[in-house]
Protein backbone atom coordinates (compact mmCIF):
# COMPACT_ATOMS: atom_id res chain seq x y z
CA MET A 1 -9.98 -16.47 -25.64
CA ILE A 2 -12.55 -14.36 -23.82
CA ILE A 3 -13.47 -13.33 -20.29
CA LYS A 4 -16.56 -15.27 -19.29
CA GLU A 5 -16.99 -13.66 -15.89
CA LEU A 6 -15.33 -11.34 -13.36
CA ARG A 7 -15.95 -11.93 -9.67
CA GLU A 8 -15.08 -10.27 -6.36
CA LEU A 9 -15.40 -11.55 -2.81
CA THR A 10 -14.87 -9.28 0.19
CA VAL A 11 -12.93 -11.25 2.80
CA PRO A 12 -12.39 -10.01 6.39
CA LEU A 13 -8.96 -10.22 7.97
CA ARG A 14 -8.78 -12.42 11.05
CA GLY A 15 -7.48 -11.22 14.38
CA ASN A 16 -7.56 -8.15 16.55
CA ILE A 17 -4.13 -6.51 16.25
CA SER A 18 -2.98 -2.90 16.22
CA ASN A 19 -0.02 -0.83 15.10
CA ALA A 20 0.63 2.75 16.18
CA LEU A 21 -2.40 4.08 14.30
CA VAL A 22 -4.68 1.29 13.04
CA ASN A 23 -6.63 -1.61 14.48
CA PHE A 24 -7.06 -4.24 11.77
CA SER A 25 -10.10 -6.06 13.15
CA GLU A 26 -12.41 -4.26 10.69
CA HIS A 27 -10.15 -4.52 7.63
CA THR A 28 -11.17 -6.45 4.53
CA VAL A 29 -9.52 -7.57 1.28
CA SER A 30 -10.91 -7.97 -2.26
CA LEU A 31 -10.35 -11.45 -3.70
CA VAL A 32 -10.85 -11.33 -7.49
CA ALA A 33 -11.37 -14.02 -10.13
CA VAL A 34 -11.10 -13.81 -13.94
CA VAL A 35 -12.98 -16.76 -15.45
CA THR A 36 -12.17 -17.60 -19.09
CA ASP A 37 -13.60 -19.85 -21.78
CA VAL A 38 -10.43 -21.97 -21.79
CA VAL A 39 -11.21 -25.36 -20.21
CA ARG A 40 -8.61 -27.70 -18.72
CA ASN A 41 -9.35 -30.83 -16.72
CA GLY A 42 -13.03 -30.05 -17.06
CA LYS A 43 -12.79 -26.60 -15.44
CA PRO A 44 -12.39 -23.08 -16.85
CA VAL A 45 -8.90 -21.65 -16.42
CA THR A 46 -9.33 -18.87 -13.84
CA GLY A 47 -6.95 -16.18 -12.64
CA ILE A 48 -7.12 -15.31 -8.95
CA ALA A 49 -5.51 -12.45 -7.04
CA PHE A 50 -6.17 -9.87 -4.34
CA ASP A 51 -5.11 -6.30 -3.72
CA SER A 52 -2.92 -6.40 -0.60
CA ILE A 53 -3.09 -6.14 3.18
CA GLY A 54 -3.66 -2.97 5.20
CA ARG A 55 -6.43 -1.20 3.28
CA TYR A 56 -10.06 -2.15 2.65
CA ALA A 57 -11.83 -4.19 -0.03
CA GLN A 58 -12.93 -2.39 -3.21
CA GLY A 59 -15.89 -4.50 -4.30
CA GLY A 60 -18.04 -1.49 -5.15
CA LEU A 61 -15.39 0.12 -7.36
CA LEU A 62 -14.70 -3.16 -9.12
CA ARG A 63 -18.33 -3.96 -9.85
CA GLU A 64 -19.43 -0.43 -10.71
CA ARG A 65 -16.48 0.77 -12.81
CA PHE A 66 -13.71 -1.65 -13.61
CA PHE A 67 -15.49 -4.94 -14.31
CA PRO A 68 -17.95 -3.33 -16.76
CA ARG A 69 -15.14 -1.67 -18.73
CA LEU A 70 -13.32 -4.94 -19.30
CA LEU A 71 -16.48 -6.88 -20.11
CA ALA A 72 -17.51 -4.21 -22.64
CA ALA A 73 -14.13 -4.24 -24.42
CA ARG A 74 -13.60 -6.15 -27.65
CA PRO A 75 -12.06 -9.44 -26.50
CA GLU A 76 -9.12 -9.20 -28.93
CA SER A 77 -8.25 -5.72 -27.63
CA LEU A 78 -7.12 -7.26 -24.32
CA LEU A 79 -4.90 -9.98 -25.78
CA ASP A 80 -1.18 -9.96 -26.52
CA GLU A 81 0.25 -10.27 -30.03
CA SER A 82 -0.02 -14.06 -29.97
CA GLY A 83 -3.73 -13.90 -29.22
CA ARG A 84 -3.25 -16.73 -26.69
CA ARG A 85 -2.61 -14.70 -23.55
CA PHE A 86 -3.97 -11.51 -22.02
CA ASP A 87 -1.80 -8.41 -22.03
CA PRO A 88 -1.88 -6.96 -18.49
CA ALA A 89 -0.88 -3.50 -19.78
CA LYS A 90 -3.92 -3.50 -22.08
CA VAL A 91 -6.09 -4.66 -19.18
CA HIS A 92 -4.70 -1.81 -17.08
CA ALA A 93 -5.34 0.75 -19.81
CA CYS A 94 -8.90 -0.47 -20.32
CA ALA A 95 -9.68 -0.40 -16.62
CA MET A 96 -8.33 3.16 -16.34
CA ARG A 97 -10.29 4.53 -19.30
CA ASN A 98 -11.92 7.84 -18.40
CA GLU A 99 -10.11 8.07 -15.05
CA LYS A 100 -8.40 11.34 -14.13
CA PRO A 101 -4.71 11.30 -13.09
CA GLY A 102 -3.83 11.57 -9.42
CA GLY A 103 -6.07 11.09 -6.41
CA HIS A 104 -5.31 7.39 -6.33
CA GLY A 105 -6.93 6.12 -3.12
CA ASP A 106 -8.77 2.80 -3.22
CA ARG A 107 -8.92 2.94 -7.03
CA ALA A 108 -5.24 1.97 -7.15
CA ALA A 109 -5.85 -1.22 -5.14
CA ALA A 110 -8.99 -2.13 -7.10
CA VAL A 111 -7.20 -1.98 -10.44
CA ALA A 112 -4.23 -3.82 -8.92
CA ALA A 113 -6.34 -6.76 -7.73
CA LEU A 114 -7.88 -7.05 -11.19
CA GLU A 115 -4.64 -6.69 -13.14
CA LEU A 116 -2.77 -9.14 -10.90
CA ALA A 117 -5.46 -11.75 -11.51
CA PHE A 118 -4.49 -11.63 -15.20
CA TRP A 119 -0.86 -12.35 -14.28
CA ASP A 120 -2.05 -15.39 -12.34
CA LEU A 121 -4.19 -16.39 -15.33
CA ASN A 122 -1.35 -16.06 -17.83
CA ALA A 123 0.96 -18.13 -15.64
CA LYS A 124 -1.69 -20.85 -15.38
CA LEU A 125 -2.14 -20.80 -19.15
CA ASN A 126 1.65 -21.25 -19.38
CA ASP A 127 1.47 -23.98 -16.69
CA GLU A 128 4.25 -22.31 -14.71
CA PRO A 129 4.73 -20.35 -11.48
CA ALA A 130 3.91 -16.65 -11.76
CA PHE A 131 7.48 -15.56 -11.05
CA GLN A 132 8.60 -17.21 -14.31
CA THR A 133 5.90 -15.42 -16.31
CA ILE A 134 6.80 -12.12 -14.61
CA SER A 135 10.52 -12.51 -15.34
CA ARG A 136 9.93 -13.29 -19.01
CA ALA A 137 7.52 -10.40 -19.50
CA HIS A 138 9.98 -7.93 -17.96
CA GLY A 139 13.14 -9.27 -19.63
CA VAL A 140 14.68 -10.29 -16.29
CA SER A 141 17.33 -12.99 -16.12
CA ARG A 142 17.00 -14.57 -12.72
CA VAL A 143 20.17 -15.30 -10.75
CA ARG A 144 18.25 -17.11 -8.00
CA ASP A 145 14.72 -18.40 -7.50
CA ASP A 146 14.63 -17.41 -3.84
CA VAL A 147 14.91 -14.07 -2.04
CA ASP A 148 15.88 -12.57 1.28
CA VAL A 149 12.93 -12.62 3.68
CA TYR A 150 12.01 -11.28 7.11
CA ALA A 151 9.06 -12.06 9.38
CA ALA A 152 6.88 -9.06 10.15
CA GLY A 153 4.87 -8.91 13.34
CA GLY A 154 5.49 -7.33 16.71
CA TYR A 155 2.08 -5.64 16.96
CA TYR A 156 0.50 -4.38 20.16
CA TYR A 157 -1.44 -6.96 22.17
CA PRO A 158 -2.96 -6.92 25.67
CA GLY A 159 -0.63 -8.25 28.35
CA ASP A 160 3.09 -8.04 29.02
CA PRO A 161 4.41 -6.32 25.85
CA CYS A 162 7.95 -7.66 26.11
CA ALA A 163 7.06 -11.26 26.95
CA ILE A 164 4.46 -11.45 24.18
CA LEU A 165 6.87 -9.97 21.66
CA ARG A 166 9.67 -12.37 22.59
CA ASP A 167 7.35 -15.36 22.31
CA GLU A 168 6.10 -14.23 18.91
CA LEU A 169 9.56 -13.75 17.45
CA LEU A 170 10.70 -17.08 18.89
CA ARG A 171 7.85 -18.77 16.98
CA TYR A 172 9.02 -17.07 13.78
CA ARG A 173 12.60 -18.15 14.44
CA ASP A 174 11.39 -21.74 14.88
CA MET A 175 9.74 -21.43 11.43
CA GLY A 176 13.13 -20.67 9.91
CA PHE A 177 13.14 -16.87 9.86
CA SER A 178 16.28 -15.10 11.02
CA ALA A 179 15.25 -11.44 10.50
CA PHE A 180 12.22 -9.65 11.92
CA LYS A 181 10.21 -6.43 11.94
CA MET A 182 8.22 -5.00 14.84
CA LYS A 183 5.94 -2.03 15.45
CA ILE A 184 6.78 1.06 17.47
CA GLY A 185 4.92 4.27 18.22
CA GLY A 186 1.89 2.65 19.82
CA ALA A 187 3.34 3.05 23.32
CA ASP A 188 5.53 5.63 25.03
CA LEU A 189 9.19 5.84 24.04
CA ALA A 190 10.50 4.13 27.18
CA THR A 191 8.18 1.14 26.66
CA ASP A 192 9.12 0.88 23.00
CA VAL A 193 12.82 0.90 23.88
CA GLU A 194 12.18 -2.00 26.27
CA ARG A 195 10.27 -3.84 23.51
CA VAL A 196 13.15 -3.35 21.06
CA GLU A 197 15.60 -4.69 23.63
CA ALA A 198 13.34 -7.72 24.17
CA ALA A 199 13.16 -8.33 20.41
CA LEU A 200 16.94 -8.12 20.14
CA GLU A 201 17.22 -10.97 22.64
CA VAL A 202 15.70 -13.13 19.90
CA ALA A 203 17.12 -11.44 16.80
CA GLY A 204 20.60 -11.42 18.30
CA ASP A 205 21.76 -8.35 16.42
CA GLY A 206 20.29 -5.03 15.28
CA SER A 207 21.02 -5.89 11.67
CA ARG A 208 18.29 -8.55 11.92
CA LEU A 209 15.59 -6.30 13.39
CA ALA A 210 13.64 -3.46 11.74
CA VAL A 211 11.13 -1.14 13.40
CA ASP A 212 8.02 0.42 11.84
CA ALA A 213 6.18 3.51 13.14
CA ASN A 214 3.50 3.50 10.38
CA GLY A 215 3.81 7.25 9.89
CA ARG A 216 2.84 7.94 13.49
CA PHE A 217 5.30 10.69 14.48
CA SER A 218 5.65 14.40 14.09
CA VAL A 219 9.13 15.55 13.08
CA ASP A 220 10.01 16.28 16.72
CA GLU A 221 8.71 12.92 17.95
CA ALA A 222 10.58 11.18 15.16
CA ALA A 223 13.77 12.93 16.19
CA ALA A 224 13.40 11.66 19.76
CA TYR A 225 12.86 8.11 18.52
CA ALA A 226 15.78 8.45 16.09
CA LYS A 227 18.09 9.34 18.97
CA ALA A 228 16.84 6.38 21.03
CA MET A 229 16.98 3.85 18.16
CA ALA A 230 20.32 4.84 16.60
CA PRO A 231 22.51 2.93 19.11
CA PHE A 232 20.77 -0.36 18.28
CA GLY A 233 22.13 -0.43 14.70
CA LEU A 234 18.77 -1.58 13.36
CA ARG A 235 18.19 -3.05 9.93
CA TRP A 236 15.96 -0.08 9.15
CA PHE A 237 13.55 2.45 10.65
CA GLU A 238 10.30 2.43 8.67
CA GLU A 239 7.83 5.29 8.07
CA ALA A 240 8.67 7.59 10.94
CA CYS A 241 6.44 10.41 9.63
CA ASP A 242 3.46 10.79 7.32
CA PRO A 243 4.38 8.87 4.14
CA LEU A 244 3.36 11.74 1.84
CA ASP A 245 5.27 14.40 3.78
CA PHE A 246 8.51 14.08 1.85
CA ASP A 247 10.10 17.05 3.59
CA ALA A 248 9.48 15.43 6.98
CA ASN A 249 11.07 12.25 5.66
CA ARG A 250 14.10 14.23 4.52
CA ARG A 251 14.43 15.97 7.88
CA PHE A 252 14.17 12.66 9.73
CA ILE A 253 16.86 11.11 7.55
CA GLU A 254 19.19 14.03 8.23
CA GLY A 255 19.05 13.15 11.93
CA TYR A 256 19.18 9.37 11.64
CA PRO A 257 22.36 7.67 10.41
CA GLY A 258 20.86 4.22 9.88
CA ALA A 259 18.79 2.95 6.97
CA VAL A 260 15.21 4.11 6.63
CA ALA A 261 12.36 2.48 4.73
CA THR A 262 9.21 3.85 3.15
CA GLY A 263 7.02 3.55 0.06
CA GLU A 264 4.18 1.17 0.92
CA ASN A 265 1.70 4.06 0.87
CA LEU A 266 2.84 5.45 -2.49
CA PHE A 267 0.54 4.27 -5.26
CA SER A 268 2.07 5.54 -8.50
CA ALA A 269 5.30 6.22 -10.34
CA ALA A 270 4.67 9.96 -9.91
CA ASP A 271 4.49 9.54 -6.12
CA VAL A 272 7.77 7.64 -6.13
CA ARG A 273 9.39 10.25 -8.38
CA ASN A 274 8.54 12.92 -5.82
CA LEU A 275 9.92 10.79 -2.99
CA LEU A 276 13.18 10.36 -4.89
CA ARG A 277 13.40 14.06 -5.68
CA PHE A 278 12.40 15.51 -2.34
CA GLY A 279 12.45 12.81 0.35
CA GLY A 280 16.17 12.68 1.06
CA MET A 281 16.47 8.95 0.30
CA ARG A 282 20.02 7.60 0.03
CA ALA A 283 21.15 5.21 -2.68
CA ASP A 284 23.71 3.51 -0.44
CA ARG A 285 21.40 2.27 2.34
CA ASP A 286 17.68 3.06 2.25
CA ILE A 287 14.81 0.66 1.49
CA PHE A 288 11.72 1.05 -0.70
CA GLN A 289 8.51 -0.89 -0.03
CA MET A 290 6.13 -0.03 -2.86
CA ASP A 291 3.46 -2.70 -3.23
CA ALA A 292 2.07 -3.62 -6.66
CA GLY A 293 -1.16 -4.75 -4.99
CA LEU A 294 -1.80 -1.21 -3.77
CA SER A 295 -0.47 0.64 -6.83
CA TYR A 296 -2.44 -0.44 -9.90
CA GLY A 297 -0.59 -3.74 -10.37
CA LEU A 298 2.58 -4.74 -12.16
CA THR A 299 2.10 -2.36 -15.10
CA GLU A 300 2.50 0.66 -12.82
CA TYR A 301 5.11 -1.17 -10.75
CA GLY A 302 7.25 -1.44 -13.89
CA ARG A 303 7.05 2.34 -14.23
CA ILE A 304 8.08 2.66 -10.59
CA LEU A 305 11.14 0.49 -11.26
CA ALA A 306 12.02 2.72 -14.21
CA GLU A 307 11.92 5.76 -11.90
CA MET A 308 14.22 4.00 -9.44
CA ASP A 309 16.66 3.13 -12.22
CA ALA A 310 16.62 6.68 -13.58
CA HIS A 311 17.48 8.10 -10.15
CA GLY A 312 20.36 5.71 -9.50
CA TYR A 313 18.73 3.27 -7.08
CA ARG A 314 19.15 -0.51 -7.20
CA ARG A 315 16.53 -3.25 -7.27
CA ALA A 316 18.26 -4.71 -4.23
CA GLN A 317 16.77 -1.80 -2.27
CA LEU A 318 13.20 -2.92 -2.99
CA TYR A 319 11.35 -5.00 -0.39
CA PRO A 320 7.64 -4.96 -1.28
CA HIS A 321 5.17 -4.50 1.56
CA GLY A 322 2.45 -7.11 2.01
CA GLY A 323 3.92 -10.31 3.40
CA HIS A 324 2.00 -12.61 1.05
CA LEU A 325 2.42 -15.02 -1.87
CA ILE A 326 1.79 -12.53 -4.67
CA ASN A 327 4.63 -10.25 -3.58
CA LEU A 328 6.92 -13.23 -3.07
CA HIS A 329 6.47 -14.10 -6.76
CA ILE A 330 7.00 -10.46 -7.74
CA ALA A 331 10.18 -10.18 -5.67
CA VAL A 332 11.62 -13.34 -7.24
CA GLY A 333 10.39 -12.59 -10.74
CA LEU A 334 11.83 -9.08 -10.79
CA GLN A 335 14.92 -10.02 -8.72
CA LEU A 336 14.23 -7.47 -6.00
CA GLY A 337 16.10 -7.24 -2.73
CA GLY A 338 13.62 -9.39 -0.85
CA CYS A 339 10.19 -9.46 0.72
CA GLU A 340 8.44 -9.61 4.01
CA ALA A 341 6.29 -12.43 5.37
CA TYR A 342 3.32 -12.37 7.74
CA PRO A 343 3.59 -15.91 9.10
CA GLY A 344 1.50 -15.23 12.18
CA VAL A 345 -0.90 -12.41 11.32
CA PHE A 346 -3.36 -11.14 8.68
CA GLN A 347 -4.90 -14.48 7.82
CA PRO A 348 -6.16 -15.80 5.50
CA PHE A 349 -3.87 -13.74 3.22
CA GLY A 350 -0.70 -13.28 5.26
CA GLY A 351 2.20 -15.65 4.88
CA TYR A 352 2.88 -18.32 2.29
CA CYS A 353 1.81 -21.85 1.42
CA ASP A 354 3.21 -24.91 3.15
CA GLU A 355 5.74 -25.60 0.36
CA CYS A 356 7.43 -22.23 0.97
CA VAL A 357 9.87 -22.93 3.79
CA ALA A 358 12.22 -20.26 5.11
CA GLY A 359 15.83 -21.17 5.71
CA GLU A 360 19.11 -19.28 6.08
CA GLY A 361 17.22 -16.01 5.73
CA ARG A 362 15.76 -16.82 2.30
CA ILE A 363 12.55 -18.23 0.83
CA ALA A 364 11.32 -19.45 -2.57
CA PRO A 365 7.83 -19.75 -4.09
CA SER A 366 6.36 -23.16 -4.78
CA GLY A 367 6.23 -24.62 -8.28
CA ALA A 368 2.42 -24.37 -8.43
CA PRO A 369 1.03 -22.65 -11.55
CA GLY A 370 0.22 -18.97 -11.04
CA PHE A 371 0.64 -17.38 -7.63
CA GLY A 372 -0.28 -20.67 -5.97
CA LEU A 373 -3.00 -19.11 -3.83
CA GLU A 374 -5.01 -22.32 -4.07
CA ARG A 375 -2.17 -24.10 -2.23
CA LYS A 376 -2.53 -21.86 0.83
CA PRO A 377 -4.75 -23.75 3.31
CA GLU A 378 -6.14 -20.63 4.95
CA LEU A 379 -7.38 -19.31 1.58
CA ARG A 380 -9.14 -22.44 0.33
CA GLU A 381 -12.50 -21.61 1.90
CA ALA A 382 -12.55 -18.05 0.48
CA ILE A 383 -11.47 -19.23 -2.97
CA GLY A 384 -14.15 -21.89 -2.86
CA GLN A 385 -16.79 -19.24 -2.10
CA LEU A 386 -15.44 -17.00 -4.88
CA LEU A 387 -15.68 -19.75 -7.49
CA ALA A 388 -18.90 -21.39 -6.29
């Protein structure tokens, strides 16, 4: 089995939405394909994946550095012991040849998109959903094939902020979601308090609503928000301060009794190790949101899980960032705490395929081979362009 071709398509995100720091109208995503010489039903078996949502596409890095390294490798050097499947860890090692440690940046997402495409490929070769391939490779015995899920949205739009937010969360509730996440920090504190109160009219209870500041606040601003948010008993307070300022995270936690969440902007096991050592995270309540699509793929994500285990944290505390099909399969395959969904934003990548229906606060992947990206209607056009 050999790689016949590696492809990348830069796909723009749809919509003009903003959080406290970023407008996403210019954001793009790298959609990657690994085309093999294995033919089924008259077509080559092809692995498809993307990095994640919230950064930019990495087409230049993929074409200039990472694709050439894999295409130059001896084909057998990338296969597992059976010789019938690719070994994602070997793919990862080949892609990272001659790369210095640290300074992750967009490199981490580029390698992730490529490595994840091999997981999709292996699952298709096995004719099974990716979560089954992921479980087997990591020695995980699944208790359930669904996970806890929440609908993420609540961005800043023109118009009445409370009415728009209520309407959005009502749409998510009608889709079967019972827990939600919204943005804060993009308005003044008084307005954000009103928005949280409006969201709670739909959520019904603070335990079903999380807030996300996207690292917007200074320590003093975070403290003011912590005081205002504490009475709501929220599900969690996400990224109050800069995600790499672990001391600021620790200081925020000391003044906020509820659960906090962070991790989506940490791209390596070493980053997570430092968060666990210095960030003040608590094993009895806090949430971790590391995203394999932004952190070199599942090979590095396995190392991140090992760090969590070594420091006494549970997989139930992991809710990967991203809100898309790939992380749904990862959450189920590795039996993590749950995942988020973007049912109304970040198309064509956000949300799941039609077969994935939320109910009673949980959701399961479809039975389609691989990640099932081809089953997502919004992605069909982009995948068609990628494979044309």
